[in-house]
């Protein structure tokens, strides 16, 4: 039965209290939502930590120290940079860096789209984040231009992220939406799992960040540091188990977290340990160096005053009474078949790349060499096309808003594919077609003003090489709004690269030694005499540009502390 009608006077009396109640409820709801936002977003506390300062007085050694660093990637460049920094104001230090490739940066490598230096594209290590102390501080110190994620000549007003399972997009998010609205959608679909994940990430990564500071820095054993920081609970559990143990739903792990582990490390949650899983979720504020992140490491080596030898392979390290004799070979400038050999002696050796990928002979042999670990074989495909990604290729209507970045998660549909051919597809932006590649210009192109038509630049990560025909099938070549001649090729430029990008990261409680010993140095006394250091043990712990830099800095500090101890 309907309630009896109220008089206008009664209605007038009731309106203000009812309005205030609604406003109060709305205000309390807004405060509650702000509380969720506070929990959901990462804390900035970790970015204000003070880095380690040496406890010893800076006593200059009486003799000149000669250090060889093998590898000019993040770890090697950082070792050189911090060796020089930690020994100031002592001038008695010679650093030599050997790199077998023709460039600095290791896995931080760029390729020029169309072979045009105007459009450098990162092949591997694409971004770093504000809590990456060494990279951020290095970029600022060297005055390198920092750019935000996805700033390569954006062709679209809206960035749309889609997570694809081979049958449908299980989640999409647009930067055209209000930030709070995107968070609300996450919470509506996945409950409080996003909040729990963010809090777990902050706690786990916060523990790791203590490794930059005393009393944990410098650490002589990565295994001991992981124990002291209570990180073994994360490294000894699969990502899936780690999430479940912290009450994070299987659906959120499958849809969102696993998409992050696949794009960052090419591994599912049942293949990767919990610590690296959390690192994948700490991507807030991603940035890069305009022109390539390798410039940080190039600047570090230059700032250290080191002598750099590119295209130089280290063949052997022999211990003698004077230190360590290193034999190297370098291709001749006159003939690729001819090589020149040199031999030099050093007091200290820093192995700053995975030893398993080198062919260095040690004499005597290492008593406990770092174990070989399997690496992910990643195929990177860069290409340009006048066409956008096709909605039909992803079971969408032709007029649907097509995601510009596509991440993937494992298929769960009985009728769908069992395995996806790619881990991610990214629309990096647009590039102007070089004049020597121009097709017939459209009326909007004015040669007098120097304008050129643009094409879309894409990057695909995949576990296997992708046939060109498959890539073309992902493009919307039949769209009616394109002003493109009918005979235009779907792909105008393509570059493919396979490399051992990062290790497989199963649960583990042991990490490779930082200081290595040769076989004839029996006993602990002999171990202390060897000055051979190894940085790549951190790859099984966390594999990033920043953690490699941290290990390079850590080894530099241990080396200098040893010299200072020698000085008394």
Protein backbone atom coordinates (compact mmCIF):
# COMPACT_ATOMS: atom_id res chain seq x y z
CA UNK A 1 0.00 0.00 0.00
CA UNK A 2 1.34 3.45 -0.95
CA UNK A 3 1.96 5.89 1.92
CA UNK A 4 -0.48 8.80 2.29
CA UNK A 5 0.57 11.99 0.47
CA UNK A 6 2.23 14.69 2.53
CA UNK A 7 1.27 18.29 2.46
CA UNK A 8 3.46 20.89 0.70
CA UNK A 9 4.32 22.34 4.11
CA UNK A 10 5.44 18.97 5.41
CA UNK A 11 7.46 18.41 2.22
CA UNK A 12 9.17 21.76 2.69
CA UNK A 13 10.09 20.86 6.26
CA UNK A 14 11.50 17.48 5.20
CA UNK A 15 13.63 18.63 2.25
CA UNK A 16 16.56 20.26 4.08
CA UNK A 17 17.24 17.32 6.46
CA UNK A 18 16.91 14.84 3.59
CA UNK A 19 19.26 16.93 1.41
CA UNK A 20 21.82 17.18 4.21
CA UNK A 21 21.60 13.47 4.86
CA UNK A 22 22.32 12.80 1.19
CA UNK A 23 25.20 15.28 1.20
CA UNK A 24 26.60 13.76 4.37
CA UNK A 25 26.36 10.23 2.98
CA UNK A 26 27.98 11.42 -0.24
CA UNK A 27 30.76 13.18 1.65
CA UNK A 28 31.46 10.12 3.82
CA UNK A 29 31.49 7.97 0.70
CA UNK A 30 33.95 10.38 -0.92
CA UNK A 31 36.21 10.21 2.16
CA UNK A 32 36.05 6.43 2.01
CA UNK A 33 36.98 6.51 -1.65
CA UNK A 34 39.91 8.83 -0.93
CA UNK A 35 41.06 6.32 1.69
CA UNK A 36 40.97 3.59 -0.95
CA UNK A 37 42.98 5.82 -3.29
CA UNK A 38 45.54 6.43 -0.55
CA UNK A 39 45.94 2.69 -0.02
CA UNK A 40 45.83 1.92 -3.71
CA UNK A 41 48.54 4.29 -4.87
CA UNK A 42 52.22 3.67 -4.08
CA UNK A 43 53.87 5.56 -1.27
CA UNK A 44 56.62 8.07 -2.04
CA UNK A 45 58.46 7.33 1.18
CA UNK A 46 60.88 4.99 -0.56
CA UNK A 47 62.07 7.76 -2.88
CA UNK A 48 63.40 9.90 -0.04
CA UNK A 49 65.91 7.45 1.38
CA UNK A 50 69.48 8.56 1.95
CA UNK A 51 71.98 6.38 0.13
CA UNK A 52 74.83 4.65 1.91
CA UNK A 53 77.84 6.68 2.98
CA UNK A 54 81.18 4.92 3.58
CA UNK A 55 82.12 4.40 7.25
CA UNK A 56 85.86 4.59 6.57
CA UNK A 57 87.92 7.76 6.29
CA UNK A 58 88.98 8.25 2.70
CA UNK A 59 92.64 7.15 2.80
CA UNK A 60 94.36 7.22 -0.57
CA UNK A 61 96.24 4.04 -1.50
CA UNK A 62 99.96 4.38 -2.03
CA UNK A 63 99.97 2.52 -5.34
CA UNK A 64 97.76 2.91 -8.40
CA UNK A 65 94.89 0.42 -8.58
CA UNK A 66 94.11 -1.16 -11.96
CA UNK A 67 90.58 -2.52 -12.41
CA UNK A 68 89.17 -4.41 -15.40
CA UNK A 69 85.40 -4.46 -15.88
CA UNK A 70 84.04 -6.99 -18.37
CA UNK A 71 80.73 -5.76 -19.73
CA UNK A 72 79.49 -2.23 -20.47
CA UNK A 73 75.84 -2.69 -19.58
CA UNK A 74 74.08 -1.31 -16.54
CA UNK A 75 76.19 -3.25 -14.01
CA UNK A 76 79.55 -2.58 -15.66
CA UNK A 77 78.90 1.10 -16.27
CA UNK A 78 77.65 1.55 -12.71
CA UNK A 79 80.67 -0.28 -11.27
CA UNK A 80 82.99 2.09 -13.14
CA UNK A 81 81.00 5.16 -12.16
CA UNK A 82 80.81 4.32 -8.45
CA UNK A 83 84.42 3.14 -8.25
CA UNK A 84 85.44 6.59 -9.35
CA UNK A 85 82.89 8.23 -7.05
CA UNK A 86 83.79 6.20 -3.95
CA UNK A 87 87.55 6.76 -4.37
CA UNK A 88 87.38 10.55 -4.61
CA UNK A 89 89.54 12.53 -4.04
CA UNK A 90 92.15 9.79 -4.68
CA UNK A 91 93.54 10.00 -8.22
CA UNK A 92 95.32 6.62 -8.20
CA UNK A 93 92.78 4.53 -10.09
CA UNK A 94 92.81 3.16 -13.64
CA UNK A 95 89.58 1.59 -14.90
CA UNK A 96 89.35 -0.36 -18.17
CA UNK A 97 85.99 -1.53 -19.52
CA UNK A 98 85.80 -4.32 -22.11
CA UNK A 99 82.65 -4.79 -24.18
CA UNK A 100 82.35 -7.44 -26.89
CA UNK A 101 79.54 -5.59 -28.70
CA UNK A 102 79.89 -2.36 -30.64
CA UNK A 103 77.90 -0.25 -28.20
CA UNK A 104 77.39 0.53 -24.52
CA UNK A 105 74.17 -0.38 -22.70
CA UNK A 106 73.87 -4.16 -22.75
CA UNK A 107 70.16 -4.97 -23.05
CA UNK A 108 69.34 -1.27 -23.16
CA UNK A 109 69.60 -0.91 -26.93
CA UNK A 110 67.87 1.25 -29.49
CA UNK A 111 67.09 0.72 -33.16
CA UNK A 112 66.27 3.56 -35.54
CA UNK A 113 62.94 3.17 -37.33
CA UNK A 114 63.55 3.36 -41.11
CA UNK A 115 67.26 3.60 -40.11
CA UNK A 116 66.47 7.23 -39.37
CA UNK A 117 68.17 8.56 -36.17
CA UNK A 118 65.17 10.83 -35.67
CA UNK A 119 63.20 7.80 -34.48
CA UNK A 120 65.18 5.69 -31.98
CA UNK A 121 63.13 2.85 -30.50
CA UNK A 122 64.03 0.81 -27.41
CA UNK A 123 64.48 -2.87 -28.21
CA UNK A 124 64.63 -4.07 -24.63
CA UNK A 125 64.78 -2.21 -21.31
CA UNK A 126 62.19 0.47 -22.15
CA UNK A 127 61.36 2.26 -18.89
CA UNK A 128 62.46 2.93 -15.36
CA UNK A 129 60.43 4.33 -12.46
CA UNK A 130 60.87 7.05 -9.80
CA UNK A 131 62.03 4.57 -7.13
CA UNK A 132 64.96 3.54 -9.36
CA UNK A 133 67.44 5.72 -7.48
CA UNK A 134 70.53 5.14 -9.59
CA UNK A 135 68.92 5.63 -12.98
CA UNK A 136 66.90 8.68 -11.96
CA UNK A 137 69.87 10.30 -10.20
CA UNK A 138 72.15 9.51 -13.15
CA UNK A 139 69.73 11.01 -15.67
CA UNK A 140 69.51 14.20 -13.60
CA UNK A 141 73.26 14.45 -12.96
CA UNK A 142 74.10 14.08 -16.66
CA UNK A 143 71.30 16.38 -17.82
CA UNK A 144 69.62 13.72 -19.96
CA UNK A 145 66.09 14.57 -21.18
CA UNK A 146 63.50 12.41 -19.43
CA UNK A 147 60.20 11.64 -21.10
CA UNK A 148 57.09 9.93 -19.82
CA UNK A 149 55.83 6.57 -21.00
CA UNK A 150 54.24 6.60 -24.45
CA UNK A 151 55.42 10.04 -25.61
CA UNK A 152 56.67 8.99 -29.08
CA UNK A 153 54.60 11.31 -31.30
CA UNK A 154 51.23 10.11 -30.07
CA UNK A 155 48.81 9.78 -32.98
CA UNK A 156 45.78 9.30 -30.82
CA UNK A 157 44.19 11.45 -28.15
CA UNK A 158 43.33 8.39 -26.08
CA UNK A 159 45.55 5.57 -24.84
CA UNK A 160 43.55 2.37 -24.40
CA UNK A 161 44.99 -0.65 -22.62
CA UNK A 162 43.45 -4.02 -23.35
CA UNK A 163 44.25 -7.43 -21.84
CA UNK A 164 43.57 -10.19 -24.36
CA UNK A 165 43.09 -13.90 -23.57
CA UNK A 166 42.85 -15.14 -27.15
CA UNK A 167 39.06 -14.90 -27.18
CA UNK A 168 38.15 -11.54 -25.68
CA UNK A 169 39.53 -8.55 -23.81
CA UNK A 170 39.12 -9.48 -20.16
CA UNK A 171 39.87 -5.91 -19.11
CA UNK A 172 40.25 -2.53 -20.82
CA UNK A 173 41.19 0.86 -19.48
CA UNK A 174 41.28 4.24 -21.18
CA UNK A 175 43.23 7.31 -20.15
CA UNK A 176 40.29 9.36 -21.43
CA UNK A 177 38.40 8.29 -18.31
CA UNK A 178 38.79 9.99 -14.98
CA UNK A 179 41.57 8.39 -12.93
CA UNK A 180 39.19 7.70 -10.07
CA UNK A 181 36.72 6.13 -12.45
CA UNK A 182 39.36 3.68 -13.69
CA UNK A 183 40.13 2.70 -10.11
CA UNK A 184 36.44 2.34 -9.31
CA UNK A 185 36.03 -0.03 -12.27
CA UNK A 186 38.92 -2.15 -10.99
CA UNK A 187 37.40 -2.33 -7.53
CA UNK A 188 33.95 -3.12 -8.91
CA UNK A 189 35.25 -6.04 -10.97
CA UNK A 190 37.93 -7.44 -8.65
CA UNK A 191 36.82 -6.35 -5.17
CA UNK A 192 39.63 -5.33 -2.83
CA UNK A 193 42.26 -7.48 -4.57
CA UNK A 194 43.74 -4.42 -6.35
CA UNK A 195 44.19 -2.71 -2.96
CA UNK A 196 45.73 -5.80 -1.40
CA UNK A 197 48.07 -6.17 -4.37
CA UNK A 198 49.17 -2.55 -4.16
CA UNK A 199 49.80 -2.80 -0.43
CA UNK A 200 51.72 -6.07 -0.87
CA UNK A 201 53.80 -4.47 -3.61
CA UNK A 202 54.62 -1.46 -1.43
CA UNK A 203 55.63 -3.69 1.47
CA UNK A 204 57.75 -6.04 -0.66
CA UNK A 205 59.44 -3.39 -2.78
CA UNK A 206 59.92 -1.25 0.33
CA UNK A 207 61.93 -4.08 1.90
CA UNK A 208 64.06 -4.36 -1.24
CA UNK A 209 64.78 -0.62 -1.25
CA UNK A 210 66.51 -0.97 2.12
CA UNK A 211 69.34 -2.62 0.19
CA UNK A 212 70.55 0.86 -0.82
CA UNK A 213 71.21 1.85 2.79
CA UNK A 214 73.29 0.83 5.79
CA UNK A 215 73.23 -1.57 7.52
CA UNK A 216 72.29 -3.69 4.49
CA UNK A 217 74.55 -1.89 2.03
CA UNK A 218 77.09 -2.94 0.99
CA UNK A 219 76.05 -6.59 1.09
CA UNK A 220 78.69 -9.29 0.71
CA UNK A 221 76.10 -12.00 0.07
CA UNK A 222 72.85 -11.52 -1.82
CA UNK A 223 71.42 -14.63 -0.17
CA UNK A 224 72.17 -13.25 3.31
CA UNK A 225 70.69 -9.87 2.37
CA UNK A 226 67.48 -11.56 1.20
CA UNK A 227 67.27 -13.40 4.52
CA UNK A 228 67.93 -10.27 6.57
CA UNK A 229 65.26 -8.32 4.68
CA UNK A 230 62.72 -11.17 4.93
CA UNK A 231 62.46 -11.41 1.14
CA UNK A 232 62.87 -15.17 0.91
CA UNK A 233 59.15 -15.57 1.52
CA UNK A 234 58.71 -13.85 -1.84
CA UNK A 235 61.58 -15.51 -3.74
CA UNK A 236 60.72 -19.05 -2.58
CA UNK A 237 57.07 -18.93 -3.69
CA UNK A 238 55.56 -18.92 -7.17
CA UNK A 239 53.82 -15.67 -8.02
CA UNK A 240 50.48 -17.44 -7.98
CA UNK A 241 51.12 -18.89 -4.52
CA UNK A 242 52.41 -15.57 -3.22
CA UNK A 243 49.23 -13.80 -4.30
CA UNK A 244 46.97 -16.51 -2.86
CA UNK A 245 48.85 -16.44 0.47
CA UNK A 246 48.05 -12.73 0.68
CA UNK A 247 44.31 -13.13 -0.10
CA UNK A 248 44.50 -11.80 -3.66
CA UNK A 249 41.87 -13.36 -5.90
CA UNK A 250 42.79 -15.80 -8.62
CA UNK A 251 40.82 -13.77 -11.16
CA UNK A 252 42.74 -10.54 -10.47
CA UNK A 253 46.00 -12.47 -10.59
CA UNK A 254 45.06 -14.07 -13.91
CA UNK A 255 43.66 -10.97 -15.60
CA UNK A 256 45.89 -8.17 -14.36
CA UNK A 257 49.02 -9.38 -12.56
CA UNK A 258 49.83 -12.12 -15.04
CA UNK A 259 49.50 -9.66 -17.93
CA UNK A 260 52.27 -7.65 -16.23
CA UNK A 261 54.56 -10.66 -15.71
CA UNK A 262 54.10 -11.73 -19.34
CA UNK A 263 54.95 -8.37 -20.87
CA UNK A 264 57.87 -7.73 -18.51
CA UNK A 265 59.39 -11.22 -18.25
CA UNK A 266 57.59 -13.50 -20.70
CA UNK A 267 56.47 -15.77 -17.84
CA UNK A 268 53.15 -16.76 -16.29
CA UNK A 269 52.36 -16.64 -12.59
CA UNK A 270 53.11 -20.36 -12.25
CA UNK A 271 56.65 -19.79 -13.62
CA UNK A 272 57.92 -16.68 -11.83
CA UNK A 273 58.66 -16.09 -8.15
CA UNK A 274 56.74 -13.68 -5.93
CA UNK A 275 59.40 -10.98 -5.64
CA UNK A 276 59.67 -10.41 -9.37
CA UNK A 277 55.87 -10.57 -9.58
CA UNK A 278 55.67 -7.61 -7.20
CA UNK A 279 58.31 -5.72 -9.15
CA UNK A 280 56.07 -6.02 -12.22
CA UNK A 281 53.34 -4.17 -10.31
CA UNK A 282 55.63 -1.25 -9.38
CA UNK A 283 55.51 0.48 -12.77
CA UNK A 284 53.80 3.71 -11.65
CA UNK A 285 55.43 6.79 -13.19
CA UNK A 286 57.32 4.95 -15.94
CA UNK A 287 59.84 7.12 -17.80
CA UNK A 288 62.70 6.82 -20.27
CA UNK A 289 65.54 8.86 -21.72
CA UNK A 290 64.78 10.63 -24.96
CA UNK A 291 67.00 8.99 -27.55
CA UNK A 292 67.62 5.83 -25.52
CA UNK A 293 68.26 4.71 -21.94
CA UNK A 294 71.74 3.52 -22.93
CA UNK A 295 72.84 7.16 -22.63
CA UNK A 296 72.78 6.84 -18.81
CA UNK A 297 75.37 4.07 -18.94
CA UNK A 298 77.43 5.76 -21.63
CA UNK A 299 77.55 8.89 -19.45
CA UNK A 300 78.52 6.83 -16.39
CA UNK A 301 81.51 5.32 -18.17
CA UNK A 302 82.62 8.68 -19.52
CA UNK A 303 82.26 10.32 -16.12
CA UNK A 304 84.36 7.58 -14.48
CA UNK A 305 87.32 8.36 -16.71
CA UNK A 306 87.50 4.69 -17.73
CA UNK A 307 89.18 3.48 -20.90
CA UNK A 308 86.53 1.74 -23.01
CA UNK A 309 87.25 -1.00 -25.55
CA UNK A 310 84.27 -1.91 -27.75
CA UNK A 311 84.17 -4.96 -30.04
CA UNK A 312 86.63 -6.58 -27.65
CA UNK A 313 86.24 -10.12 -26.32
CA UNK A 314 87.98 -11.32 -23.17
CA UNK A 315 89.37 -14.79 -23.86
CA UNK A 316 91.23 -15.70 -20.69
CA UNK A 317 92.01 -14.57 -17.14
CA UNK A 318 95.20 -15.99 -15.63
CA UNK A 319 96.31 -15.41 -12.08
CA UNK A 320 99.97 -14.68 -11.56
CA UNK A 321 102.16 -13.00 -8.96
CA UNK A 322 101.39 -9.58 -10.36
CA UNK A 323 97.60 -9.93 -10.32
CA UNK A 324 95.35 -11.12 -13.16
CA UNK A 325 96.50 -11.24 -16.78
CA UNK A 326 93.65 -10.69 -19.23
CA UNK A 327 93.96 -11.70 -22.89
CA UNK A 328 91.61 -10.03 -25.34
CA UNK A 329 90.93 -10.06 -29.07
CA UNK A 330 89.56 -7.27 -31.25
CA UNK A 331 88.55 -7.58 -34.93
CA UNK A 332 90.92 -5.82 -37.29
CA UNK A 333 89.70 -2.68 -38.98
CA UNK A 334 91.01 -3.99 -42.29
CA UNK A 335 89.43 -7.45 -42.23
CA UNK A 336 86.70 -9.07 -40.15
CA UNK A 337 88.62 -12.36 -40.29
CA UNK A 338 91.78 -10.85 -38.81
CA UNK A 339 91.99 -10.15 -35.09
CA UNK A 340 94.48 -8.37 -32.90
CA UNK A 341 95.34 -9.75 -29.46
CA UNK A 342 96.49 -7.93 -26.34
CA UNK A 343 97.38 -8.87 -22.77
CA UNK A 344 97.13 -6.60 -19.72
CA UNK A 345 97.42 -7.14 -15.97
CA UNK A 346 94.97 -5.89 -13.35
CA UNK A 347 94.64 -5.94 -9.56
CA UNK A 348 90.88 -6.44 -9.58
CA UNK A 349 88.43 -8.03 -12.04
CA UNK A 350 84.69 -7.27 -12.15
CA UNK A 351 82.63 -9.67 -14.26
CA UNK A 352 79.65 -7.51 -15.14
CA UNK A 353 77.67 -9.79 -17.45
CA UNK A 354 76.36 -13.38 -17.15
CA UNK A 355 79.41 -15.62 -17.20
CA UNK A 356 77.51 -18.40 -19.00
CA UNK A 357 77.34 -16.28 -22.17
CA UNK A 358 81.09 -15.71 -22.29
CA UNK A 359 83.87 -18.05 -23.35
CA UNK A 360 86.43 -16.90 -20.79
CA UNK A 361 89.01 -19.47 -19.72
CA UNK A 362 90.20 -19.14 -16.12
CA UNK A 363 93.59 -20.36 -15.00
CA UNK A 364 93.36 -21.76 -12.42
CA UNK A 365 89.67 -22.61 -12.72
CA UNK A 366 87.06 -20.97 -10.51
CA UNK A 367 86.43 -23.14 -7.46
CA UNK A 368 82.69 -22.37 -7.36
CA UNK A 369 81.65 -20.81 -10.67
CA UNK A 370 78.23 -19.16 -10.88
CA UNK A 371 75.60 -21.71 -11.94
CA UNK A 372 74.19 -21.48 -15.45
CA UNK A 373 70.55 -20.47 -15.45
CA UNK A 374 68.07 -20.65 -18.35
CA UNK A 375 67.18 -17.39 -20.06
CA UNK A 376 63.98 -16.47 -21.88
CA UNK A 377 64.36 -16.39 -25.65
CA UNK A 378 62.44 -13.24 -26.58
CA UNK A 379 61.61 -12.16 -30.11
CA UNK A 380 61.13 -8.43 -30.62
CA UNK A 381 59.46 -7.20 -33.80
CA UNK A 382 59.40 -3.51 -34.68
CA UNK A 383 57.49 -2.43 -37.74
CA UNK A 384 55.75 0.53 -39.34
CA UNK A 385 52.49 0.52 -41.25
CA UNK A 386 50.01 3.03 -42.62
CA UNK A 387 47.28 0.90 -41.03
CA UNK A 388 45.92 0.69 -37.51
CA UNK A 389 45.33 -2.49 -35.55
CA UNK A 390 42.24 -4.33 -36.71
CA UNK A 391 39.27 -4.70 -34.32
CA UNK A 392 38.14 -7.75 -36.31
CA UNK A 393 41.41 -9.53 -35.49
CA UNK A 394 40.37 -9.31 -31.83
CA UNK A 395 36.68 -10.23 -32.24
CA UNK A 396 35.50 -6.61 -31.99
CA UNK A 397 33.06 -4.67 -34.17
CA UNK A 398 34.70 -2.60 -36.90
CA UNK A 399 33.74 0.67 -35.18
CA UNK A 400 34.91 -0.39 -31.71
CA UNK A 401 37.51 1.58 -29.77
CA UNK A 402 40.59 -0.50 -30.45
CA UNK A 403 43.20 -0.78 -27.66
CA UNK A 404 46.50 0.87 -28.52
CA UNK A 405 48.44 -1.39 -26.13
CA UNK A 406 47.52 -5.06 -25.93
CA UNK A 407 48.81 -7.24 -23.10
CA UNK A 408 47.95 -10.91 -22.82
CA UNK A 409 47.01 -13.53 -20.27
CA UNK A 410 46.57 -17.26 -20.61
CA UNK A 411 43.56 -18.50 -22.58
CA UNK A 412 40.76 -20.06 -20.52
CA UNK A 413 38.14 -20.77 -23.16
CA UNK A 414 37.60 -24.37 -24.27
CA UNK A 415 37.12 -23.34 -27.91
CA UNK A 416 39.90 -20.74 -28.01
CA UNK A 417 43.64 -21.13 -28.61
CA UNK A 418 45.72 -22.96 -26.02
CA UNK A 419 48.72 -20.68 -26.47
CA UNK A 420 48.97 -17.09 -27.70
CA UNK A 421 51.53 -16.20 -30.38
CA UNK A 422 52.54 -12.91 -28.73
CA UNK A 423 53.02 -11.47 -25.24
CA UNK A 424 52.21 -7.85 -26.10
CA UNK A 425 51.59 -5.42 -28.94
CA UNK A 426 52.27 -1.72 -28.41
CA UNK A 427 51.42 1.20 -30.65
CA UNK A 428 54.40 3.43 -29.94
CA UNK A 429 53.16 6.41 -31.94
CA UNK A 430 53.62 7.82 -35.41
CA UNK A 431 56.70 8.47 -37.51
CA UNK A 432 57.02 10.62 -40.62
CA UNK A 433 57.76 8.53 -43.69
CA UNK A 434 61.27 9.27 -45.07
CA UNK A 435 61.16 10.97 -48.43
CA UNK A 436 62.92 8.08 -50.13
CA UNK A 437 60.05 5.79 -49.05
CA UNK A 438 57.08 8.05 -49.84
CA UNK A 439 54.07 6.67 -51.61
CA UNK A 440 51.85 9.12 -53.50
CA UNK A 441 51.19 11.99 -51.02
CA UNK A 442 47.67 12.89 -50.06
CA UNK A 443 46.25 16.37 -50.81
CA UNK A 444 46.92 17.38 -47.21
CA UNK A 445 50.67 16.87 -47.67
CA UNK A 446 52.41 20.02 -48.82
CA UNK A 447 55.90 19.40 -50.23
CA UNK A 448 56.58 23.12 -50.10
CA UNK A 449 56.21 23.07 -46.30
CA UNK A 450 58.15 19.88 -45.89
CA UNK A 451 55.27 17.87 -44.41
CA UNK A 452 55.26 14.12 -44.89
CA UNK A 453 52.63 11.46 -44.34
CA UNK A 454 52.93 9.48 -41.12
CA UNK A 455 52.75 5.81 -40.33
CA UNK A 456 52.14 3.92 -37.13
CA UNK A 457 55.09 2.42 -35.27
CA UNK A 458 54.48 -0.90 -33.50
CA UNK A 459 56.44 -3.19 -31.17
CA UNK A 460 55.59 -6.85 -30.54
CA UNK A 461 57.10 -9.17 -27.92
CA UNK A 462 56.64 -12.86 -28.73
CA UNK A 463 58.09 -16.22 -27.65
CA UNK A 464 58.65 -17.25 -31.28
CA UNK A 465 59.30 -15.36 -34.52
CA UNK A 466 56.06 -14.15 -36.12
CA UNK A 467 55.36 -14.78 -39.81
CA UNK A 468 54.89 -11.59 -41.77
CA UNK A 469 51.49 -12.83 -42.94
CA UNK A 470 50.33 -13.12 -39.32
CA UNK A 471 51.46 -9.58 -38.50
CA UNK A 472 49.62 -8.28 -41.56
CA UNK A 473 46.46 -10.08 -40.40
CA UNK A 474 46.48 -7.89 -37.27
CA UNK A 475 46.14 -4.70 -39.35
CA UNK A 476 42.94 -3.02 -40.51
CA UNK A 477 43.81 -2.79 -44.20
CA UNK A 478 40.19 -2.38 -45.33
CA UNK A 479 39.34 0.79 -43.37
CA UNK A 480 37.55 3.39 -45.45
CA UNK A 481 38.91 6.48 -43.69
CA UNK A 482 42.49 5.97 -44.89
CA UNK A 483 43.88 8.01 -47.79
CA UNK A 484 46.28 5.30 -48.93
CA UNK A 485 46.84 3.93 -52.42
CA UNK A 486 45.47 0.42 -52.93
CA UNK A 487 48.87 -1.05 -53.76
CA UNK A 488 50.52 0.17 -50.52
CA UNK A 489 52.24 -2.64 -48.63
CA UNK A 490 50.74 -3.30 -45.17
CA UNK A 491 54.23 -3.24 -43.63
CA UNK A 492 56.68 -0.63 -44.87
CA UNK A 493 59.62 -1.30 -42.51
CA UNK A 494 60.37 -4.18 -40.16
CA UNK A 495 63.16 -5.10 -37.75
CA UNK A 496 63.39 -8.39 -35.87
CA UNK A 497 65.66 -9.31 -32.97
CA UNK A 498 66.02 -12.45 -30.86
CA UNK A 499 67.89 -12.31 -27.62
CA UNK A 500 68.30 -13.85 -24.20
CA UNK A 501 66.41 -11.06 -22.55
CA UNK A 502 66.08 -12.09 -18.90
CA UNK A 503 66.33 -15.30 -16.89
CA UNK A 504 63.52 -17.64 -16.03
CA UNK A 505 62.72 -16.80 -12.44
CA UNK A 506 61.41 -19.87 -10.58
CA UNK A 507 61.37 -19.88 -6.76
CA UNK A 508 64.83 -19.96 -5.19
CA UNK A 509 66.53 -19.32 -1.87
CA UNK A 510 70.13 -19.20 -3.13
CA UNK A 511 71.87 -16.63 -5.29
CA UNK A 512 75.31 -16.67 -6.92
CA UNK A 513 78.32 -15.50 -4.92
CA UNK A 514 79.39 -11.89 -5.37
CA UNK A 515 83.06 -12.67 -4.78
CA UNK A 516 84.60 -15.55 -6.70
CA UNK A 517 87.59 -17.71 -5.79
CA UNK A 518 90.08 -19.61 -7.90
CA UNK A 519 90.59 -23.32 -7.31
CA UNK A 520 94.14 -23.24 -5.96
CA UNK A 521 93.44 -20.74 -3.20
CA UNK A 522 92.51 -23.37 -0.57
CA UNK A 523 90.92 -22.16 2.61
CA UNK A 524 89.28 -18.95 3.71
CA UNK A 525 92.58 -17.11 3.68
CA UNK A 526 92.96 -17.82 -0.01
CA UNK A 527 89.38 -16.75 -0.70
CA UNK A 528 90.10 -13.32 0.76
CA UNK A 529 93.07 -12.87 -1.55
CA UNK A 530 91.09 -13.20 -4.76
CA UNK A 531 89.72 -9.98 -6.19
CA UNK A 532 87.30 -11.33 -8.77
CA UNK A 533 83.77 -9.98 -8.42
CA UNK A 534 80.52 -11.00 -10.08
CA UNK A 535 77.39 -8.86 -10.56
CA UNK A 536 74.96 -11.11 -12.44
CA UNK A 537 73.85 -13.16 -9.44
CA UNK A 538 71.20 -10.50 -8.93
CA UNK A 539 69.54 -11.58 -12.19
CA UNK A 540 67.79 -14.48 -10.39
CA UNK A 541 66.68 -12.09 -7.64
CA UNK A 542 65.36 -9.16 -9.64
CA UNK A 543 66.28 -8.62 -13.29
CA UNK A 544 66.08 -4.92 -14.18
CA UNK A 545 68.38 -2.11 -15.31
CA UNK A 546 68.19 -0.63 -11.82
CA UNK A 547 69.04 -3.79 -9.90
CA UNK A 548 72.03 -4.41 -12.18
CA UNK A 549 73.13 -0.86 -11.43
CA UNK A 550 72.63 -1.48 -7.71
CA UNK A 551 74.87 -4.55 -7.89
CA UNK A 552 77.51 -2.61 -9.82
CA UNK A 553 77.42 0.04 -7.10
CA UNK A 554 77.53 -2.61 -4.38
CA UNK A 555 80.60 -4.31 -5.87
CA UNK A 556 82.31 -0.93 -6.27
CA UNK A 557 81.75 -0.22 -2.58
CA UNK A 558 83.07 -3.64 -1.54
CA UNK A 559 86.17 -3.18 -3.71
CA UNK A 560 86.93 0.26 -2.29
CA UNK A 561 86.29 -0.90 1.28
CA UNK A 562 88.84 -3.65 0.70
CA UNK A 563 91.40 -1.12 -0.47
CA UNK A 564 90.71 1.09 2.53
CA UNK A 565 91.19 -1.89 4.84
CA UNK A 566 94.53 -2.55 3.14
CA UNK A 567 95.54 1.02 3.95
CA UNK A 568 94.87 0.39 7.63
